[in-house]
Amino acid sequence: MAKLSDAVIQELLENLSGWTLEGDTIKKVYMLHTFPTVISFVTHIGFLAEAAGHHPDMDIRYNRLTVALSTHDAGGLTQKDFDLAMQIDEIIV
């Protein structure tokens, strides 16, 4: 999958709520009620990621989950990152 241009990245980022651009990565922090809720959310993300063949970096701190997406094979952001970000946000809504 091809790496996206800066203009396309900015346009796609505008359609995502709470996601920020940090270098060649988009990130979002989710604050949930409890640790088990975070673990359940991570499990759901894991199934989505596995189905997409695209695996995010995730950092758990009790009830706080940081998700970071980048397509390492492409050397930056691709459509896969934004597609997975949208799917992740649909779980939490």
Protein backbone atom coordinates (compact mmCIF):
# COMPACT_ATOMS: atom_id res chain seq x y z
CA MET A 1 0.00 0.00 0.00
CA ALA A 2 1.32 3.44 -0.94
CA LYS A 3 2.35 6.04 1.60
CA LEU A 4 -0.07 9.00 1.68
CA SER A 5 0.88 12.59 0.91
CA ASP A 6 0.80 15.21 3.67
CA ALA A 7 -2.27 16.85 2.07
CA VAL A 8 -4.22 13.59 2.00
CA ILE A 9 -3.18 12.79 5.58
CA GLN A 10 -4.48 16.17 6.79
CA GLU A 11 -7.75 15.67 4.91
CA LEU A 12 -8.30 12.18 6.34
CA LEU A 13 -7.31 13.30 9.83
CA GLU A 14 -10.06 15.93 9.77
CA ASN A 15 -12.59 13.08 9.50
CA LEU A 16 -11.30 11.40 12.67
CA SER A 17 -12.23 12.66 16.12
CA GLY A 18 -9.44 12.84 18.68
CA TRP A 19 -6.67 11.40 16.52
CA THR A 20 -3.44 13.39 16.28
CA LEU A 21 -0.52 13.27 13.90
CA GLU A 22 2.87 12.59 15.47
CA GLY A 23 5.54 12.18 12.82
CA ASP A 24 4.54 9.23 10.62
CA THR A 25 1.97 7.99 13.13
CA ILE A 26 -1.61 8.80 14.08
CA LYS A 27 -2.45 8.39 17.76
CA LYS A 28 -5.46 8.51 20.01
CA VAL A 29 -5.85 8.15 23.76
CA TYR A 30 -8.98 6.44 25.05
CA MET A 31 -10.00 6.91 28.69
CA LEU A 32 -12.28 4.10 29.82
CA HIS A 33 -13.92 3.36 33.15
CA THR A 34 -11.97 0.32 34.34
CA PHE A 35 -8.99 -1.85 33.55
CA PRO A 36 -11.19 -4.79 32.43
CA THR A 37 -13.00 -2.43 30.04
CA VAL A 38 -9.65 -1.45 28.51
CA ILE A 39 -8.66 -5.11 28.13
CA SER A 40 -11.97 -5.88 26.41
CA PHE A 41 -11.46 -2.92 24.06
CA VAL A 42 -7.92 -4.07 23.25
CA THR A 43 -9.27 -7.54 22.44
CA HIS A 44 -11.80 -6.06 20.02
CA ILE A 45 -9.07 -3.98 18.39
CA GLY A 46 -6.93 -7.10 18.12
CA PHE A 47 -9.61 -8.94 16.13
CA LEU A 48 -10.09 -5.95 13.79
CA ALA A 49 -6.36 -5.57 13.32
CA GLU A 50 -5.82 -9.25 12.62
CA ALA A 51 -8.63 -9.27 10.04
CA ALA A 52 -7.05 -6.24 8.34
CA GLY A 53 -3.53 -7.67 8.53
CA HIS A 54 -2.52 -4.41 10.19
CA HIS A 55 -1.38 -4.22 13.78
CA PRO A 56 -1.32 -1.07 15.94
CA ASP A 57 1.00 -0.22 18.79
CA MET A 58 -1.01 -0.08 22.00
CA ASP A 59 -0.03 1.13 25.45
CA ILE A 60 -2.24 0.34 28.47
CA ARG A 61 -2.06 2.40 31.66
CA TYR A 62 -4.87 1.16 33.94
CA ASN A 63 -7.97 2.79 32.35
CA ARG A 64 -6.07 4.65 29.63
CA LEU A 65 -5.25 3.14 26.23
CA THR A 66 -3.05 4.83 23.65
CA VAL A 67 -3.37 3.47 20.11
CA ALA A 68 -0.74 4.36 17.50
CA LEU A 69 -1.08 3.51 13.82
CA SER A 70 1.52 3.58 11.06
CA THR A 71 2.25 1.28 8.15
CA HIS A 72 5.82 0.28 8.85
CA ASP A 73 6.26 -1.52 5.52
CA ALA A 74 5.36 1.69 3.65
CA GLY A 75 7.48 3.90 5.88
CA GLY A 76 4.57 6.06 7.02
CA LEU A 77 0.83 6.46 6.91
CA THR A 78 -1.37 4.65 4.40
CA GLN A 79 -5.09 4.24 3.90
CA LYS A 80 -4.88 1.11 6.09
CA ASP A 81 -4.12 3.29 9.11
CA PHE A 82 -7.12 5.53 8.61
CA ASP A 83 -9.43 2.60 7.84
CA LEU A 84 -8.42 0.85 11.06
CA ALA A 85 -8.72 4.09 13.06
CA MET A 86 -12.32 4.48 11.85
CA GLN A 87 -13.11 0.87 12.74
CA ILE A 88 -11.61 1.28 16.21
CA ASP A 89 -13.69 4.41 16.82
CA GLU A 90 -16.85 2.52 15.80
CA ILE A 91 -16.28 0.01 18.63
CA ILE A 92 -16.19 2.66 21.32
CA VAL A 93 -19.25 4.63 20.16
